[in-house]
């Protein structure tokens, strides 16, 4: 096999590979658009509100205060 033949085959393989990837991406975008339409039609994109998310910030506030206290104690120990 000569060098020009190998270059021709490698060019063909490159174009074929890029075509396959491009085609897959186009199909993926189409499927995602169809899924978006399905989710919106079924009303699944609405978030449900409940009492649980409201309780989460209160717990994290207590954790934040504990973290701040631990950092302050570590800085105080380091300065002594």
PDB file of N, CA and C in Angstrom:
ATOM      1  N   UNK A   1       0.846  -1.166   0.000  1.00  0.00           N
ATOM      2  CA  UNK A   1       0.000   0.000   0.000  1.00  0.00           C
ATOM      3  C   UNK A   1       0.900   1.240   0.000  1.00  0.00           C
ATOM      4  N   UNK A   2       0.620   2.166  -0.876  1.00  0.00           N
ATOM      5  CA  UNK A   2       1.455   3.357  -0.992  1.00  0.00           C
ATOM      6  C   UNK A   2       0.973   4.440  -0.041  1.00  0.00           C
ATOM      7  N   UNK A   3       1.819   5.434   0.096  1.00  0.00           N
ATOM      8  CA  UNK A   3       1.497   6.524   1.015  1.00  0.00           C
ATOM      9  C   UNK A   3       0.243   7.288   0.566  1.00  0.00           C
ATOM     10  N   UNK A   4       0.084   7.611  -0.712  1.00  0.00           N
ATOM     11  CA  UNK A   4      -1.151   8.306  -1.111  1.00  0.00           C
ATOM     12  C   UNK A   4      -2.408   7.478  -0.843  1.00  0.00           C
ATOM     13  N   UNK A   5      -2.336   6.167  -0.995  1.00  0.00           N
ATOM     14  CA  UNK A   5      -3.492   5.315  -0.697  1.00  0.00           C
ATOM     15  C   UNK A   5      -3.809   5.350   0.791  1.00  0.00           C
ATOM     16  N   UNK A   6      -2.767   5.283   1.601  1.00  0.00           N
ATOM     17  CA  UNK A   6      -2.985   5.321   3.056  1.00  0.00           C
ATOM     18  C   UNK A   6      -3.558   6.677   3.484  1.00  0.00           C
ATOM     19  N   UNK A   7      -3.045   7.768   2.883  1.00  0.00           N
ATOM     20  CA  UNK A   7      -3.584   9.089   3.208  1.00  0.00           C
ATOM     21  C   UNK A   7      -5.043   9.201   2.782  1.00  0.00           C
ATOM     22  N   UNK A   8      -5.386   8.638   1.652  1.00  0.00           N
ATOM     23  CA  UNK A   8      -6.765   8.648   1.182  1.00  0.00           C
ATOM     24  C   UNK A   8      -7.682   7.885   2.115  1.00  0.00           C
ATOM     25  N   UNK A   9      -7.225   6.708   2.552  1.00  0.00           N
ATOM     26  CA  UNK A   9      -8.032   5.908   3.478  1.00  0.00           C
ATOM     27  C   UNK A   9      -8.161   6.601   4.842  1.00  0.00           C
ATOM     28  N   UNK A  10      -7.067   7.217   5.301  1.00  0.00           N
ATOM     29  CA  UNK A  10      -7.144   7.902   6.602  1.00  0.00           C
ATOM     30  C   UNK A  10      -8.073   9.114   6.515  1.00  0.00           C
ATOM     31  N   UNK A  11      -8.048   9.835   5.393  1.00  0.00           N
ATOM     32  CA  UNK A  11      -8.961  10.959   5.205  1.00  0.00           C
ATOM     33  C   UNK A  11     -10.405  10.503   5.174  1.00  0.00           C
ATOM     34  N   UNK A  12     -10.664   9.383   4.461  1.00  0.00           N
ATOM     35  CA  UNK A  12     -12.017   8.830   4.398  1.00  0.00           C
ATOM     36  C   UNK A  12     -12.486   8.391   5.777  1.00  0.00           C
ATOM     37  N   UNK A  13     -11.606   7.745   6.526  1.00  0.00           N
ATOM     38  CA  UNK A  13     -11.947   7.296   7.878  1.00  0.00           C
ATOM     39  C   UNK A  13     -12.223   8.489   8.792  1.00  0.00           C
ATOM     40  N   UNK A  14     -11.453   9.554   8.643  1.00  0.00           N
ATOM     41  CA  UNK A  14     -11.664  10.753   9.450  1.00  0.00           C
ATOM     42  C   UNK A  14     -13.026  11.373   9.147  1.00  0.00           C
ATOM     43  N   UNK A  15     -13.340  11.523   7.864  1.00  0.00           N
ATOM     44  CA  UNK A  15     -14.623  12.105   7.471  1.00  0.00           C
ATOM     45  C   UNK A  15     -15.769  11.211   7.929  1.00  0.00           C
ATOM     46  N   UNK A  16     -15.617   9.909   7.794  1.00  0.00           N
ATOM     47  CA  UNK A  16     -16.656   8.977   8.231  1.00  0.00           C
ATOM     48  C   UNK A  16     -16.871   9.072   9.739  1.00  0.00           C
ATOM     49  N   UNK A  17     -15.799   9.125  10.502  1.00  0.00           N
ATOM     50  CA  UNK A  17     -15.913   9.236  11.961  1.00  0.00           C
ATOM     51  C   UNK A  17     -16.574  10.526  12.385  1.00  0.00           C
ATOM     52  N   UNK A  18     -16.175  11.629  11.765  1.00  0.00           N
ATOM     53  CA  UNK A  18     -16.784  12.913  12.097  1.00  0.00           C
ATOM     54  C   UNK A  18     -18.260  12.931  11.703  1.00  0.00           C
ATOM     55  N   UNK A  19     -18.599  12.284  10.612  1.00  0.00           N
ATOM     56  CA  UNK A  19     -19.994  12.200  10.190  1.00  0.00           C
ATOM     57  C   UNK A  19     -20.839  11.408  11.164  1.00  0.00           C
ATOM     58  N   UNK A  20     -20.276  10.314  11.663  1.00  0.00           N
ATOM     59  CA  UNK A  20     -21.007   9.498  12.637  1.00  0.00           C
ATOM     60  C   UNK A  20     -21.255  10.294  13.917  1.00  0.00           C
ATOM     61  N   UNK A  21     -20.233  10.983  14.402  1.00  0.00           N
ATOM     62  CA  UNK A  21     -20.374  11.774  15.627  1.00  0.00           C
ATOM     63  C   UNK A  21     -21.384  12.902  15.412  1.00  0.00           C
ATOM     64  N   UNK A  22     -21.300  13.587  14.290  1.00  0.00           N
ATOM     65  CA  UNK A  22     -22.228  14.677  13.991  1.00  0.00           C
ATOM     66  C   UNK A  22     -23.658  14.157  13.916  1.00  0.00           C
ATOM     67  N   UNK A  23     -23.841  13.020  13.259  1.00  0.00           N
ATOM     68  CA  UNK A  23     -25.182  12.433  13.154  1.00  0.00           C
ATOM     69  C   UNK A  23     -25.724  12.060  14.531  1.00  0.00           C
ATOM     70  N   UNK A  24     -24.876  11.479  15.365  1.00  0.00           N
ATOM     71  CA  UNK A  24     -25.305  11.111  16.714  1.00  0.00           C
ATOM     72  C   UNK A  24     -25.716  12.344  17.498  1.00  0.00           C
ATOM     73  N   UNK A  25     -24.947  13.431  17.386  1.00  0.00           N
ATOM     74  CA  UNK A  25     -25.292  14.650  18.119  1.00  0.00           C
ATOM     75  C   UNK A  25     -26.618  15.234  17.637  1.00  0.00           C
ATOM     76  N   UNK A  26     -26.866  15.194  16.337  1.00  0.00           N
ATOM     77  CA  UNK A  26     -28.136  15.689  15.800  1.00  0.00           C
ATOM     78  C   UNK A  26     -29.292  14.842  16.334  1.00  0.00           C
ATOM     79  N   UNK A  27     -29.121  13.521  16.345  1.00  0.00           N
ATOM     80  CA  UNK A  27     -30.160  12.630  16.870  1.00  0.00           C
ATOM     81  C   UNK A  27     -30.377  12.895  18.362  1.00  0.00           C
ATOM     82  N   UNK A  28     -29.292  13.090  19.106  1.00  0.00           N
ATOM     83  CA  UNK A  28     -29.383  13.361  20.540  1.00  0.00           C
ATOM     84  C   UNK A  28     -30.139  14.655  20.810  1.00  0.00           C
ATOM     85  N   UNK A  29     -29.863  15.692  20.040  1.00  0.00           N
ATOM     86  CA  UNK A  29     -30.573  16.962  20.206  1.00  0.00           C
ATOM     87  C   UNK A  29     -32.062  16.772  19.907  1.00  0.00           C
ATOM     88  N   UNK A  30     -32.380  16.027  18.857  1.00  0.00           N
ATOM     89  CA  UNK A  30     -33.781  15.768  18.518  1.00  0.00           C
ATOM     90  C   UNK A  30     -34.506  15.024  19.621  1.00  0.00           C
ATOM     91  N   UNK A  31     -33.866  14.015  20.180  1.00  0.00           N
ATOM     92  CA  UNK A  31     -34.482  13.240  21.264  1.00  0.00           C
ATOM     93  C   UNK A  31     -34.679  14.116  22.495  1.00  0.00           C
ATOM     94  N   UNK A  32     -33.710  14.970  22.790  1.00  0.00           N
ATOM     95  CA  UNK A  32     -33.850  15.850  23.951  1.00  0.00           C
ATOM     96  C   UNK A  32     -34.990  16.847  23.755  1.00  0.00           C
ATOM     97  N   UNK A  33     -35.147  17.362  22.543  1.00  0.00           N
ATOM     98  CA  UNK A  33     -36.262  18.279  22.262  1.00  0.00           C
ATOM     99  C   UNK A  33     -37.600  17.553  22.419  1.00  0.00           C
ATOM    100  N   UNK A  34     -37.684  16.309  21.920  1.00  0.00           N
ATOM    101  CA  UNK A  34     -38.922  15.543  22.078  1.00  0.00           C
ATOM    102  C   UNK A  34     -39.212  15.271  23.554  1.00  0.00           C
ATOM    103  N   UNK A  35     -38.171  14.967  24.316  1.00  0.00           N
ATOM    104  CA  UNK A  35     -38.343  14.735  25.750  1.00  0.00           C
ATOM    105  C   UNK A  35     -38.806  16.005  26.455  1.00  0.00           C
ATOM    106  N   UNK A  36     -38.268  17.148  26.044  1.00  0.00           N
ATOM    107  CA  UNK A  36     -38.707  18.420  26.625  1.00  0.00           C
ATOM    108  C   UNK A  36     -40.192  18.657  26.344  1.00  0.00           C
ATOM    109  N   UNK A  37     -40.612  18.410  25.120  1.00  0.00           N
ATOM    110  CA  UNK A  37     -42.023  18.582  24.784  1.00  0.00           C
ATOM    111  C   UNK A  37     -42.902  17.625  25.586  1.00  0.00           C
ATOM    112  N   UNK A  38     -42.445  16.388  25.761  1.00  0.00           N
ATOM    113  CA  UNK A  38     -43.193  15.393  26.528  1.00  0.00           C
ATOM    114  C   UNK A  38     -43.329  15.824  27.988  1.00  0.00           C
ATOM    115  N   UNK A  39     -42.230  16.282  28.577  1.00  0.00           N
ATOM    116  CA  UNK A  39     -42.256  16.682  29.989  1.00  0.00           C
ATOM    117  C   UNK A  39     -43.177  17.881  30.188  1.00  0.00           C
ATOM    118  N   UNK A  40     -43.108  18.842  29.283  1.00  0.00           N
ATOM    119  CA  UNK A  40     -43.982  20.013  29.411  1.00  0.00           C
ATOM    120  C   UNK A  40     -45.440  19.647  29.190  1.00  0.00           C
ATOM    121  N   UNK A  41     -45.706  18.723  28.254  1.00  0.00           N
ATOM    122  CA  UNK A  41     -47.088  18.321  27.989  1.00  0.00           C
ATOM    123  C   UNK A  41     -47.680  17.564  29.172  1.00  0.00           C
ATOM    124  N   UNK A  42     -46.870  16.775  29.848  1.00  0.00           N
ATOM    125  CA  UNK A  42     -47.349  16.002  30.992  1.00  0.00           C
ATOM    126  C   UNK A  42     -47.363  16.834  32.277  1.00  0.00           C
ATOM    127  N   UNK A  43     -46.766  18.011  32.262  1.00  0.00           N
ATOM    128  CA  UNK A  43     -46.754  18.855  33.451  1.00  0.00           C
ATOM    129  C   UNK A  43     -45.768  18.398  34.495  1.00  0.00           C
ATOM    130  N   UNK A  44     -44.734  17.701  34.092  1.00  0.00           N
ATOM    131  CA  UNK A  44     -43.756  17.177  35.040  1.00  0.00           C
ATOM    132  C   UNK A  44     -42.676  18.193  35.393  1.00  0.00           C
ATOM    133  N   UNK A  45     -42.692  19.360  34.773  1.00  0.00           N
ATOM    134  CA  UNK A  45     -41.666  20.355  35.044  1.00  0.00           C
ATOM    135  C   UNK A  45     -42.030  21.281  36.203  1.00  0.00           C
ATOM    136  N   UNK A  46     -43.180  21.097  36.796  1.00  0.00           N
ATOM    137  CA  UNK A  46     -43.590  21.912  37.931  1.00  0.00           C
ATOM    138  C   UNK A  46     -43.003  21.331  39.210  1.00  0.00           C
ATOM    139  N   UNK A  47     -42.453  22.210  40.045  1.00  0.00           N
ATOM    140  CA  UNK A  47     -41.911  21.749  41.324  1.00  0.00           C
ATOM    141  C   UNK A  47     -43.030  21.701  42.351  1.00  0.00           C
ATOM    142  N   UNK A  48     -43.022  20.633  43.130  1.00  0.00           N
ATOM    143  CA  UNK A  48     -44.016  20.500  44.182  1.00  0.00           C
ATOM    144  C   UNK A  48     -43.504  21.194  45.435  1.00  0.00           C
ATOM    145  N   UNK A  49     -44.374  21.954  46.090  1.00  0.00           N
ATOM    146  CA  UNK A  49     -43.985  22.624  47.318  1.00  0.00           C
ATOM    147  C   UNK A  49     -44.471  21.807  48.506  1.00  0.00           C
ATOM    148  N   UNK A  50     -43.612  21.680  49.497  1.00  0.00           N
ATOM    149  CA  UNK A  50     -43.974  20.942  50.710  1.00  0.00           C
ATOM    150  C   UNK A  50     -43.277  21.599  51.898  1.00  0.00           C
ATOM    151  N   UNK A  51     -43.552  21.104  53.083  1.00  0.00           N
ATOM    152  CA  UNK A  51     -42.982  21.679  54.304  1.00  0.00           C
ATOM    153  C   UNK A  51     -41.528  21.270  54.491  1.00  0.00           C
ATOM    154  N   UNK A  52     -41.078  20.205  53.877  1.00  0.00           N
ATOM    155  CA  UNK A  52     -39.711  19.723  54.072  1.00  0.00           C
ATOM    156  C   UNK A  52     -38.652  20.720  53.640  1.00  0.00           C
ATOM    157  N   UNK A  53     -38.757  21.344  52.456  1.00  0.00           N
ATOM    158  CA  UNK A  53     -37.709  22.298  52.078  1.00  0.00           C
ATOM    159  C   UNK A  53     -37.619  23.491  53.016  1.00  0.00           C
ATOM    160  N   UNK A  54     -38.709  23.869  53.659  1.00  0.00           N
ATOM    161  CA  UNK A  54     -38.675  25.007  54.573  1.00  0.00           C
ATOM    162  C   UNK A  54     -37.881  24.663  55.833  1.00  0.00           C
ATOM    163  N   UNK A  55     -37.880  23.401  56.231  1.00  0.00           N
ATOM    164  CA  UNK A  55     -37.158  22.996  57.436  1.00  0.00           C
ATOM    165  C   UNK A  55     -35.657  22.896  57.178  1.00  0.00           C
ATOM    166  N   UNK A  56     -35.252  22.716  55.960  1.00  0.00           N
ATOM    167  CA  UNK A  56     -33.833  22.538  55.646  1.00  0.00           C
ATOM    168  C   UNK A  56     -32.990  23.772  55.971  1.00  0.00           C
ATOM    169  N   UNK A  57     -33.417  24.995  55.655  1.00  0.00           N
ATOM    170  CA  UNK A  57     -32.577  26.150  55.990  1.00  0.00           C
ATOM    171  C   UNK A  57     -32.365  26.324  57.486  1.00  0.00           C
ATOM    172  N   UNK A  58     -33.352  25.966  58.301  1.00  0.00           N
ATOM    173  CA  UNK A  58     -33.192  26.090  59.745  1.00  0.00           C
ATOM    174  C   UNK A  58     -32.100  25.155  60.240  1.00  0.00           C
ATOM    175  N   UNK A  59     -32.045  23.952  59.705  1.00  0.00           N
ATOM    176  CA  UNK A  59     -31.009  23.006  60.117  1.00  0.00           C
ATOM    177  C   UNK A  59     -29.644  23.470  59.645  1.00  0.00           C
ATOM    178  N   UNK A  60     -29.561  24.027  58.443  1.00  0.00           N
ATOM    179  CA  UNK A  60     -28.266  24.464  57.940  1.00  0.00           C
ATOM    180  C   UNK A  60     -27.775  25.686  58.706  1.00  0.00           C
ATOM    181  N   UNK A  61     -28.674  26.500  59.243  1.00  0.00           N
ATOM    182  CA  UNK A  61     -28.256  27.656  60.031  1.00  0.00           C
ATOM    183  C   UNK A  61     -27.543  27.194  61.292  1.00  0.00           C
ATOM    184  N   UNK A  62     -28.066  26.155  61.918  1.00  0.00           N
ATOM    185  CA  UNK A  62     -27.416  25.607  63.106  1.00  0.00           C
ATOM    186  C   UNK A  62     -26.051  25.035  62.766  1.00  0.00           C
ATOM    187  N   UNK A  63     -25.960  24.391  61.626  1.00  0.00           N
ATOM    188  CA  UNK A  63     -24.674  23.849  61.193  1.00  0.00           C
ATOM    189  C   UNK A  63     -23.700  24.974  60.885  1.00  0.00           C
ATOM    190  N   UNK A  64     -24.181  26.036  60.256  1.00  0.00           N
ATOM    191  CA  UNK A  64     -23.310  27.164  59.944  1.00  0.00           C
ATOM    192  C   UNK A  64     -22.756  27.796  61.209  1.00  0.00           C
ATOM    193  N   UNK A  65     -23.584  27.919  62.240  1.00  0.00           N
ATOM    194  CA  UNK A  65     -23.122  28.497  63.496  1.00  0.00           C
ATOM    195  C   UNK A  65     -22.073  27.610  64.146  1.00  0.00           C
ATOM    196  N   UNK A  66     -22.245  26.291  64.048  1.00  0.00           N
ATOM    197  CA  UNK A  66     -21.268  25.366  64.605  1.00  0.00           C
ATOM    198  C   UNK A  66     -19.949  25.459  63.844  1.00  0.00           C
ATOM    199  N   UNK A  67     -20.037  25.618  62.530  1.00  0.00           N
ATOM    200  CA  UNK A  67     -18.817  25.738  61.724  1.00  0.00           C
ATOM    201  C   UNK A  67     -18.094  27.035  62.059  1.00  0.00           C
ATOM    202  N   UNK A  68     -18.832  28.113  62.175  1.00  0.00           N
ATOM    203  CA  UNK A  68     -18.222  29.397  62.520  1.00  0.00           C
ATOM    204  C   UNK A  68     -17.560  29.317  63.890  1.00  0.00           C
ATOM    205  N   UNK A  69     -18.209  28.668  64.847  1.00  0.00           N
ATOM    206  CA  UNK A  69     -17.638  28.527  66.182  1.00  0.00           C
ATOM    207  C   UNK A  69     -16.350  27.705  66.134  1.00  0.00           C
ATOM    208  N   UNK A  70     -16.338  26.638  65.327  1.00  0.00           N
ATOM    209  CA  UNK A  70     -15.142  25.803  65.225  1.00  0.00           C
ATOM    210  C   UNK A  70     -13.993  26.576  64.575  1.00  0.00           C
ATOM    211  N   UNK A  71     -14.296  27.369  63.558  1.00  0.00           N
ATOM    212  CA  UNK A  71     -13.259  28.164  62.906  1.00  0.00           C
ATOM    213  C   UNK A  71     -12.711  29.212  63.864  1.00  0.00           C
ATOM    214  N   UNK A  72     -13.600  29.861  64.611  1.00  0.00           N
ATOM    215  CA  UNK A  72     -13.163  30.870  65.576  1.00  0.00           C
ATOM    216  C   UNK A  72     -12.278  30.250  66.652  1.00  0.00           C
ATOM    217  N   UNK A  73     -12.633  29.055  67.123  1.00  0.00           N
ATOM    218  CA  UNK A  73     -11.810  28.385  68.136  1.00  0.00           C
ATOM    219  C   UNK A  73     -10.450  28.014  67.567  1.00  0.00           C
ATOM    220  N   UNK A  74     -10.405  27.563  66.322  1.00  0.00           N
ATOM    221  CA  UNK A  74      -9.135  27.193  65.707  1.00  0.00           C
ATOM    222  C   UNK A  74      -8.241  28.413  65.519  1.00  0.00           C
ATOM    223  N   UNK A  75      -8.818  29.530  65.128  1.00  0.00           N
ATOM    224  CA  UNK A  75      -8.031  30.771  64.959  1.00  0.00           C
ATOM    225  C   UNK A  75      -7.524  31.247  66.309  1.00  0.00           C
ATOM    226  N   UNK A  76      -8.372  31.146  67.336  1.00  0.00           N
ATOM    227  CA  UNK A  76      -7.972  31.555  68.677  1.00  0.00           C
ATOM    228  C   UNK A  76      -6.808  30.694  69.184  1.00  0.00           C
ATOM    229  N   UNK A  77      -6.871  29.378  68.959  1.00  0.00           N
ATOM    230  CA  UNK A  77      -5.786  28.486  69.373  1.00  0.00           C
ATOM    231  C   UNK A  77      -4.507  28.787  68.601  1.00  0.00           C
ATOM    232  N   UNK A  78      -4.628  29.090  67.341  1.00  0.00           N
ATOM    233  CA  UNK A  78      -3.459  29.362  66.503  1.00  0.00           C
ATOM    234  C   UNK A  78      -2.759  30.644  66.900  1.00  0.00           C
ATOM    235  N   UNK A  79      -3.526  31.639  67.371  1.00  0.00           N
ATOM    236  CA  UNK A  79      -2.949  32.922  67.742  1.00  0.00           C
ATOM    237  C   UNK A  79      -2.236  32.872  69.079  1.00  0.00           C
ATOM    238  N   UNK A  80      -2.533  31.894  69.901  1.00  0.00           N
ATOM    239  CA  UNK A  80      -1.898  31.809  71.232  1.00  0.00           C
ATOM    240  C   UNK A  80      -0.556  31.174  71.181  1.00  0.00           C
TER     241      UNK A  80
END
